[in-house]
């Protein structure tokens, strides 16, 4: 890694790190793979496999494979529909990039995600067969998106760290609220979150303040949700 000098208007010298193209490419791949849109489905799959007894009703509704209808349901409302909205906005020229780098690009996807995630929470809550902590997880995601959408008017916050902060907050919720020994899962979540945050910094997508704010927002949203629906 070398240093490049960036001139500023006040004639001061500001150093900004420049990373190799290979490292930037790795960071870009990590950013795509760790996108927050994948997290609800990932958390659902991990919960079902770790605690299948809590989701036995959904297993009975399976079509071909165990819990397949549950996975399809979560993937449709939390992954397919948001991606469809982003693709539609890009086709219509409402956003400039699929990466949603600017605050303006994030307005419509934020609004769409609030609708989709609230519907996911409401549908599971109304059905009344999902465990309370599962409902609380989706409520926490909804709260994080609402706060992120409001904050987006004034500041830019990392959506990646909002999502991974939510995963950490959810695991903390399970550990403290249900007395589950998930220290290993929590350590892995911290490790992955650190890698994701580093990748975003390498790409220059966010400042450290935007990264830390996202983590705090994601964790607090899950803890608030647990207090409401846990």
C-alpha atoms as a PDB file:
ATOM      1  CA  UNK A   1       0.000   0.000   0.000  1.00  0.00           C
ATOM      2  CA  UNK A   2       1.371   3.438  -0.955  1.00  0.00           C
ATOM      3  CA  UNK A   3       0.369   6.930   0.019  1.00  0.00           C
ATOM      4  CA  UNK A   4      -0.957   9.593  -2.309  1.00  0.00           C
ATOM      5  CA  UNK A   5      -1.183  13.285  -1.431  1.00  0.00           C
ATOM      6  CA  UNK A   6      -4.578  14.856  -2.074  1.00  0.00           C
ATOM      7  CA  UNK A   7      -4.493  18.657  -2.430  1.00  0.00           C
ATOM      8  CA  UNK A   8      -7.185  20.589  -0.562  1.00  0.00           C
ATOM      9  CA  UNK A   9      -8.565  24.097  -0.927  1.00  0.00           C
ATOM     10  CA  UNK A  10      -6.947  25.327   2.288  1.00  0.00           C
ATOM     11  CA  UNK A  11      -3.487  24.350   0.989  1.00  0.00           C
ATOM     12  CA  UNK A  12      -3.173  21.659   3.678  1.00  0.00           C
ATOM     13  CA  UNK A  13      -1.879  18.208   2.849  1.00  0.00           C
ATOM     14  CA  UNK A  14      -4.167  15.248   3.404  1.00  0.00           C
ATOM     15  CA  UNK A  15      -2.984  11.703   2.990  1.00  0.00           C
ATOM     16  CA  UNK A  16      -5.319   9.085   1.604  1.00  0.00           C
ATOM     17  CA  UNK A  17      -4.312   5.418   1.240  1.00  0.00           C
ATOM     18  CA  UNK A  18      -4.392   3.887  -2.209  1.00  0.00           C
ATOM     19  CA  UNK A  19      -4.813   0.118  -2.390  1.00  0.00           C
ATOM     20  CA  UNK A  20      -3.718  -2.276  -5.106  1.00  0.00           C
ATOM     21  CA  UNK A  21      -6.224  -3.205  -7.836  1.00  0.00           C
ATOM     22  CA  UNK A  22      -6.212  -6.829  -6.655  1.00  0.00           C
ATOM     23  CA  UNK A  23      -7.129  -5.846  -3.097  1.00  0.00           C
ATOM     24  CA  UNK A  24      -9.838  -3.520  -4.370  1.00  0.00           C
ATOM     25  CA  UNK A  25     -11.264  -6.331  -6.500  1.00  0.00           C
ATOM     26  CA  UNK A  26     -11.327  -8.665  -3.499  1.00  0.00           C
ATOM     27  CA  UNK A  27     -13.072  -5.949  -1.472  1.00  0.00           C
ATOM     28  CA  UNK A  28     -15.618  -5.522  -4.248  1.00  0.00           C
ATOM     29  CA  UNK A  29     -16.386  -9.258  -4.304  1.00  0.00           C
ATOM     30  CA  UNK A  30     -16.760  -9.267  -0.513  1.00  0.00           C
ATOM     31  CA  UNK A  31     -19.137  -6.314  -0.727  1.00  0.00           C
ATOM     32  CA  UNK A  32     -21.351  -8.114  -3.224  1.00  0.00           C
ATOM     33  CA  UNK A  33     -21.398 -11.405  -1.315  1.00  0.00           C
ATOM     34  CA  UNK A  34     -22.101  -9.697   2.014  1.00  0.00           C
ATOM     35  CA  UNK A  35     -24.833  -7.394   0.733  1.00  0.00           C
ATOM     36  CA  UNK A  36     -27.499  -6.814   3.411  1.00  0.00           C
ATOM     37  CA  UNK A  37     -30.279  -8.026   1.102  1.00  0.00           C
ATOM     38  CA  UNK A  38     -28.954 -11.575   1.507  1.00  0.00           C
ATOM     39  CA  UNK A  39     -28.972 -11.456   5.312  1.00  0.00           C
ATOM     40  CA  UNK A  40     -32.671 -12.171   6.088  1.00  0.00           C
ATOM     41  CA  UNK A  41     -32.573 -15.357   4.026  1.00  0.00           C
ATOM     42  CA  UNK A  42     -29.183 -16.318   5.465  1.00  0.00           C
ATOM     43  CA  UNK A  43     -30.387 -15.804   9.047  1.00  0.00           C
ATOM     44  CA  UNK A  44     -33.558 -17.777   8.300  1.00  0.00           C
ATOM     45  CA  UNK A  45     -31.600 -20.737   6.905  1.00  0.00           C
ATOM     46  CA  UNK A  46     -29.198 -20.733   9.862  1.00  0.00           C
ATOM     47  CA  UNK A  47     -32.013 -20.505  12.423  1.00  0.00           C
ATOM     48  CA  UNK A  48     -34.030 -23.299  10.827  1.00  0.00           C
ATOM     49  CA  UNK A  49     -31.021 -25.615  10.711  1.00  0.00           C
ATOM     50  CA  UNK A  50     -29.844 -24.721  14.228  1.00  0.00           C
ATOM     51  CA  UNK A  51     -33.285 -24.810  15.913  1.00  0.00           C
ATOM     52  CA  UNK A  52     -35.668 -26.829  13.709  1.00  0.00           C
ATOM     53  CA  UNK A  53     -38.011 -27.554  16.618  1.00  0.00           C
ATOM     54  CA  UNK A  54     -39.109 -23.903  16.639  1.00  0.00           C
ATOM     55  CA  UNK A  55     -40.126 -24.103  12.955  1.00  0.00           C
ATOM     56  CA  UNK A  56     -41.825 -27.487  12.839  1.00  0.00           C
ATOM     57  CA  UNK A  57     -45.085 -25.973  11.515  1.00  0.00           C
ATOM     58  CA  UNK A  58     -43.275 -24.602   8.490  1.00  0.00           C
ATOM     59  CA  UNK A  59     -41.769 -28.019   7.830  1.00  0.00           C
ATOM     60  CA  UNK A  60     -45.261 -29.479   7.592  1.00  0.00           C
ATOM     61  CA  UNK A  61     -46.090 -26.941   4.873  1.00  0.00           C
ATOM     62  CA  UNK A  62     -43.084 -27.897   2.759  1.00  0.00           C
ATOM     63  CA  UNK A  63     -43.703 -28.669  -0.898  1.00  0.00           C
ATOM     64  CA  UNK A  64     -40.750 -30.865  -1.853  1.00  0.00           C
ATOM     65  CA  UNK A  65     -37.840 -30.158   0.486  1.00  0.00           C
ATOM     66  CA  UNK A  66     -37.910 -29.420   4.193  1.00  0.00           C
ATOM     67  CA  UNK A  67     -38.796 -25.775   4.861  1.00  0.00           C
ATOM     68  CA  UNK A  68     -38.647 -24.922   1.154  1.00  0.00           C
ATOM     69  CA  UNK A  69     -41.853 -22.862   1.260  1.00  0.00           C
ATOM     70  CA  UNK A  70     -40.505 -20.816   4.179  1.00  0.00           C
ATOM     71  CA  UNK A  71     -37.266 -20.102   2.304  1.00  0.00           C
ATOM     72  CA  UNK A  72     -39.172 -19.120  -0.841  1.00  0.00           C
ATOM     73  CA  UNK A  73     -41.429 -16.850   1.166  1.00  0.00           C
ATOM     74  CA  UNK A  74     -38.539 -15.024   2.828  1.00  0.00           C
ATOM     75  CA  UNK A  75     -36.492 -14.834  -0.378  1.00  0.00           C
ATOM     76  CA  UNK A  76     -39.401 -13.402  -2.366  1.00  0.00           C
ATOM     77  CA  UNK A  77     -40.259 -10.540   0.001  1.00  0.00           C
ATOM     78  CA  UNK A  78     -36.785  -9.643   1.276  1.00  0.00           C
ATOM     79  CA  UNK A  79     -34.555 -10.384  -1.724  1.00  0.00           C
ATOM     80  CA  UNK A  80     -36.406 -10.691  -5.027  1.00  0.00           C
ATOM     81  CA  UNK A  81     -38.790  -7.750  -4.592  1.00  0.00           C
ATOM     82  CA  UNK A  82     -36.099  -5.264  -3.417  1.00  0.00           C
ATOM     83  CA  UNK A  83     -33.792  -6.343  -6.277  1.00  0.00           C
ATOM     84  CA  UNK A  84     -36.665  -5.948  -8.713  1.00  0.00           C
ATOM     85  CA  UNK A  85     -37.288  -2.396  -7.480  1.00  0.00           C
ATOM     86  CA  UNK A  86     -33.603  -1.474  -7.833  1.00  0.00           C
ATOM     87  CA  UNK A  87     -33.457  -2.979 -11.333  1.00  0.00           C
ATOM     88  CA  UNK A  88     -36.629  -1.117 -12.308  1.00  0.00           C
ATOM     89  CA  UNK A  89     -35.273   2.161 -10.934  1.00  0.00           C
ATOM     90  CA  UNK A  90     -32.044   1.650 -12.874  1.00  0.00           C
ATOM     91  CA  UNK A  91     -33.963   0.940 -16.082  1.00  0.00           C
ATOM     92  CA  UNK A  92     -36.071   4.073 -15.625  1.00  0.00           C
ATOM     93  CA  UNK A  93     -33.058   6.208 -14.754  1.00  0.00           C
ATOM     94  CA  UNK A  94     -34.098   6.903 -11.161  1.00  0.00           C
ATOM     95  CA  UNK A  95     -30.772   5.577  -9.838  1.00  0.00           C
ATOM     96  CA  UNK A  96     -27.347   5.953 -11.394  1.00  0.00           C
ATOM     97  CA  UNK A  97     -25.814   2.709 -10.158  1.00  0.00           C
ATOM     98  CA  UNK A  98     -26.804  -0.662  -8.756  1.00  0.00           C
ATOM     99  CA  UNK A  99     -24.337   0.038  -5.926  1.00  0.00           C
ATOM    100  CA  UNK A 100     -26.575   2.944  -4.734  1.00  0.00           C
ATOM    101  CA  UNK A 101     -23.532   5.020  -3.858  1.00  0.00           C
ATOM    102  CA  UNK A 102     -25.298   8.361  -3.438  1.00  0.00           C
ATOM    103  CA  UNK A 103     -27.934   9.348  -0.893  1.00  0.00           C
ATOM    104  CA  UNK A 104     -30.318  10.245  -3.720  1.00  0.00           C
ATOM    105  CA  UNK A 105     -30.034   6.756  -5.244  1.00  0.00           C
ATOM    106  CA  UNK A 106     -31.089   5.188  -1.952  1.00  0.00           C
ATOM    107  CA  UNK A 107     -34.393   7.014  -1.452  1.00  0.00           C
ATOM    108  CA  UNK A 108     -36.713   4.802  -3.539  1.00  0.00           C
ATOM    109  CA  UNK A 109     -35.051   1.481  -2.529  1.00  0.00           C
ATOM    110  CA  UNK A 110     -35.305   2.518   1.133  1.00  0.00           C
ATOM    111  CA  UNK A 111     -39.030   3.261   0.766  1.00  0.00           C
ATOM    112  CA  UNK A 112     -39.632  -0.027  -1.045  1.00  0.00           C
ATOM    113  CA  UNK A 113     -37.709  -2.029   1.555  1.00  0.00           C
ATOM    114  CA  UNK A 114     -39.691  -0.512   4.425  1.00  0.00           C
ATOM    115  CA  UNK A 115     -42.860  -1.800   2.780  1.00  0.00           C
ATOM    116  CA  UNK A 116     -41.491  -5.251   1.988  1.00  0.00           C
ATOM    117  CA  UNK A 117     -39.896  -5.842   5.395  1.00  0.00           C
ATOM    118  CA  UNK A 118     -42.891  -4.585   7.337  1.00  0.00           C
ATOM    119  CA  UNK A 119     -45.100  -6.889   5.305  1.00  0.00           C
ATOM    120  CA  UNK A 120     -42.782  -9.805   6.078  1.00  0.00           C
ATOM    121  CA  UNK A 121     -42.939  -9.060   9.802  1.00  0.00           C
ATOM    122  CA  UNK A 122     -46.688  -8.471   9.768  1.00  0.00           C
ATOM    123  CA  UNK A 123     -47.426 -11.660   7.815  1.00  0.00           C
ATOM    124  CA  UNK A 124     -45.398 -13.865  10.168  1.00  0.00           C
ATOM    125  CA  UNK A 125     -46.848 -12.104  13.218  1.00  0.00           C
ATOM    126  CA  UNK A 126     -50.404 -12.416  11.912  1.00  0.00           C
ATOM    127  CA  UNK A 127     -49.954 -16.095  11.061  1.00  0.00           C
ATOM    128  CA  UNK A 128     -48.983 -16.735  14.670  1.00  0.00           C
ATOM    129  CA  UNK A 129     -46.829 -19.836  14.186  1.00  0.00           C
ATOM    130  CA  UNK A 130     -43.332 -18.358  13.940  1.00  0.00           C
ATOM    131  CA  UNK A 131     -41.294 -18.107  17.175  1.00  0.00           C
ATOM    132  CA  UNK A 132     -41.321 -14.607  18.737  1.00  0.00           C
ATOM    133  CA  UNK A 133     -37.586 -14.101  18.221  1.00  0.00           C
ATOM    134  CA  UNK A 134     -38.064 -14.721  14.485  1.00  0.00           C
ATOM    135  CA  UNK A 135     -40.762 -12.070  14.321  1.00  0.00           C
ATOM    136  CA  UNK A 136     -38.566  -9.725  16.345  1.00  0.00           C
ATOM    137  CA  UNK A 137     -35.729 -10.164  13.854  1.00  0.00           C
ATOM    138  CA  UNK A 138     -37.827  -8.908  10.950  1.00  0.00           C
ATOM    139  CA  UNK A 139     -39.252  -6.097  13.063  1.00  0.00           C
ATOM    140  CA  UNK A 140     -35.676  -5.096  13.873  1.00  0.00           C
ATOM    141  CA  UNK A 141     -34.784  -5.052  10.178  1.00  0.00           C
ATOM    142  CA  UNK A 142     -37.817  -2.865   9.502  1.00  0.00           C
ATOM    143  CA  UNK A 143     -36.868  -0.441  12.298  1.00  0.00           C
ATOM    144  CA  UNK A 144     -33.297  -0.222  11.018  1.00  0.00           C
ATOM    145  CA  UNK A 145     -34.482   0.568   7.490  1.00  0.00           C
ATOM    146  CA  UNK A 146     -36.887   3.256   8.713  1.00  0.00           C
ATOM    147  CA  UNK A 147     -34.185   4.935  10.796  1.00  0.00           C
ATOM    148  CA  UNK A 148     -31.707   4.560   7.944  1.00  0.00           C
ATOM    149  CA  UNK A 149     -34.182   6.094   5.500  1.00  0.00           C
ATOM    150  CA  UNK A 150     -34.764   9.113   7.736  1.00  0.00           C
ATOM    151  CA  UNK A 151     -31.048   9.516   8.430  1.00  0.00           C
ATOM    152  CA  UNK A 152     -30.292   9.250   4.704  1.00  0.00           C
ATOM    153  CA  UNK A 153     -31.846  12.698   4.282  1.00  0.00           C
ATOM    154  CA  UNK A 154     -29.033  14.225   6.321  1.00  0.00           C
ATOM    155  CA  UNK A 155     -26.099  11.800   6.295  1.00  0.00           C
ATOM    156  CA  UNK A 156     -24.879   8.739   4.443  1.00  0.00           C
ATOM    157  CA  UNK A 157     -24.743   5.510   6.470  1.00  0.00           C
ATOM    158  CA  UNK A 158     -23.317   2.159   5.434  1.00  0.00           C
ATOM    159  CA  UNK A 159     -26.141  -0.223   4.597  1.00  0.00           C
ATOM    160  CA  UNK A 160     -23.687  -3.122   4.828  1.00  0.00           C
ATOM    161  CA  UNK A 161     -22.835  -2.401   8.461  1.00  0.00           C
ATOM    162  CA  UNK A 162     -26.484  -1.698   9.300  1.00  0.00           C
ATOM    163  CA  UNK A 163     -27.226  -5.236   8.120  1.00  0.00           C
ATOM    164  CA  UNK A 164     -24.309  -6.928   9.848  1.00  0.00           C
ATOM    165  CA  UNK A 165     -24.846  -4.855  12.971  1.00  0.00           C
ATOM    166  CA  UNK A 166     -28.378  -6.243  12.916  1.00  0.00           C
ATOM    167  CA  UNK A 167     -27.011  -9.791  12.805  1.00  0.00           C
ATOM    168  CA  UNK A 168     -24.820  -9.040  15.826  1.00  0.00           C
ATOM    169  CA  UNK A 169     -27.745  -7.424  17.640  1.00  0.00           C
ATOM    170  CA  UNK A 170     -29.957 -10.410  16.891  1.00  0.00           C
ATOM    171  CA  UNK A 171     -27.382 -12.843  18.256  1.00  0.00           C
ATOM    172  CA  UNK A 172     -27.003 -10.690  21.373  1.00  0.00           C
ATOM    173  CA  UNK A 173     -30.776 -10.797  21.705  1.00  0.00           C
ATOM    174  CA  UNK A 174     -30.795 -14.603  21.555  1.00  0.00           C
ATOM    175  CA  UNK A 175     -27.930 -14.841  24.030  1.00  0.00           C
ATOM    176  CA  UNK A 176     -29.386 -12.497  26.641  1.00  0.00           C
ATOM    177  CA  UNK A 177     -33.104 -12.999  26.085  1.00  0.00           C
ATOM    178  CA  UNK A 178     -33.213 -16.770  25.568  1.00  0.00           C
ATOM    179  CA  UNK A 179     -30.026 -17.687  27.464  1.00  0.00           C
ATOM    180  CA  UNK A 180     -28.586 -19.442  24.416  1.00  0.00           C
ATOM    181  CA  UNK A 181     -24.904 -20.266  24.298  1.00  0.00           C
ATOM    182  CA  UNK A 182     -24.061 -18.876  20.857  1.00  0.00           C
ATOM    183  CA  UNK A 183     -20.690 -17.339  21.658  1.00  0.00           C
ATOM    184  CA  UNK A 184     -19.061 -19.078  18.661  1.00  0.00           C
ATOM    185  CA  UNK A 185     -21.679 -17.739  16.247  1.00  0.00           C
ATOM    186  CA  UNK A 186     -21.294 -14.282  17.772  1.00  0.00           C
ATOM    187  CA  UNK A 187     -17.519 -14.347  17.320  1.00  0.00           C
ATOM    188  CA  UNK A 188     -17.922 -15.415  13.683  1.00  0.00           C
ATOM    189  CA  UNK A 189     -20.424 -12.604  13.125  1.00  0.00           C
ATOM    190  CA  UNK A 190     -17.970 -10.072  14.591  1.00  0.00           C
ATOM    191  CA  UNK A 191     -15.190 -11.430  12.370  1.00  0.00           C
ATOM    192  CA  UNK A 192     -17.273 -11.280   9.186  1.00  0.00           C
ATOM    193  CA  UNK A 193     -18.560  -7.826  10.118  1.00  0.00           C
ATOM    194  CA  UNK A 194     -15.001  -6.592  10.510  1.00  0.00           C
ATOM    195  CA  UNK A 195     -14.054  -8.003   7.106  1.00  0.00           C
ATOM    196  CA  UNK A 196     -17.090  -6.387   5.488  1.00  0.00           C
ATOM    197  CA  UNK A 197     -16.379  -3.017   7.118  1.00  0.00           C
ATOM    198  CA  UNK A 198     -12.752  -3.182   5.981  1.00  0.00           C
ATOM    199  CA  UNK A 199     -13.852  -3.973   2.427  1.00  0.00           C
ATOM    200  CA  UNK A 200     -16.121  -0.919   2.377  1.00  0.00           C
ATOM    201  CA  UNK A 201     -13.276   1.269   3.608  1.00  0.00           C
ATOM    202  CA  UNK A 202     -10.882  -0.121   0.990  1.00  0.00           C
ATOM    203  CA  UNK A 203     -13.376   0.729  -1.743  1.00  0.00           C
ATOM    204  CA  UNK A 204     -13.750   4.244  -0.348  1.00  0.00           C
ATOM    205  CA  UNK A 205     -17.519   3.746  -0.179  1.00  0.00           C
ATOM    206  CA  UNK A 206     -17.776   5.046   3.381  1.00  0.00           C
ATOM    207  CA  UNK A 207     -15.912   6.910   6.066  1.00  0.00           C
ATOM    208  CA  UNK A 208     -15.174   5.258   9.434  1.00  0.00           C
ATOM    209  CA  UNK A 209     -17.948   7.350  10.998  1.00  0.00           C
ATOM    210  CA  UNK A 210     -20.493   6.009   8.491  1.00  0.00           C
ATOM    211  CA  UNK A 211     -19.297   2.465   9.186  1.00  0.00           C
ATOM    212  CA  UNK A 212     -19.575   2.753  12.971  1.00  0.00           C
ATOM    213  CA  UNK A 213     -22.939   4.516  12.762  1.00  0.00           C
ATOM    214  CA  UNK A 214     -24.285   1.630  10.699  1.00  0.00           C
ATOM    215  CA  UNK A 215     -23.149  -0.940  13.261  1.00  0.00           C
ATOM    216  CA  UNK A 216     -24.709   1.001  16.144  1.00  0.00           C
ATOM    217  CA  UNK A 217     -27.961   1.489  14.258  1.00  0.00           C
ATOM    218  CA  UNK A 218     -28.223  -2.197  13.332  1.00  0.00           C
ATOM    219  CA  UNK A 219     -27.549  -3.441  16.866  1.00  0.00           C
ATOM    220  CA  UNK A 220     -29.905  -0.990  18.561  1.00  0.00           C
ATOM    221  CA  UNK A 221     -32.710  -1.746  16.093  1.00  0.00           C
ATOM    222  CA  UNK A 222     -32.638  -5.446  16.955  1.00  0.00           C
ATOM    223  CA  UNK A 223     -32.566  -4.782  20.686  1.00  0.00           C
ATOM    224  CA  UNK A 224     -35.514  -2.384  20.378  1.00  0.00           C
ATOM    225  CA  UNK A 225     -37.432  -4.937  18.317  1.00  0.00           C
ATOM    226  CA  UNK A 226     -36.839  -7.631  20.908  1.00  0.00           C
ATOM    227  CA  UNK A 227     -38.243  -5.327  23.574  1.00  0.00           C
ATOM    228  CA  UNK A 228     -41.380  -4.921  21.455  1.00  0.00           C
ATOM    229  CA  UNK A 229     -41.982  -8.347  19.928  1.00  0.00           C
ATOM    230  CA  UNK A 230     -39.472 -10.710  21.548  1.00  0.00           C
END
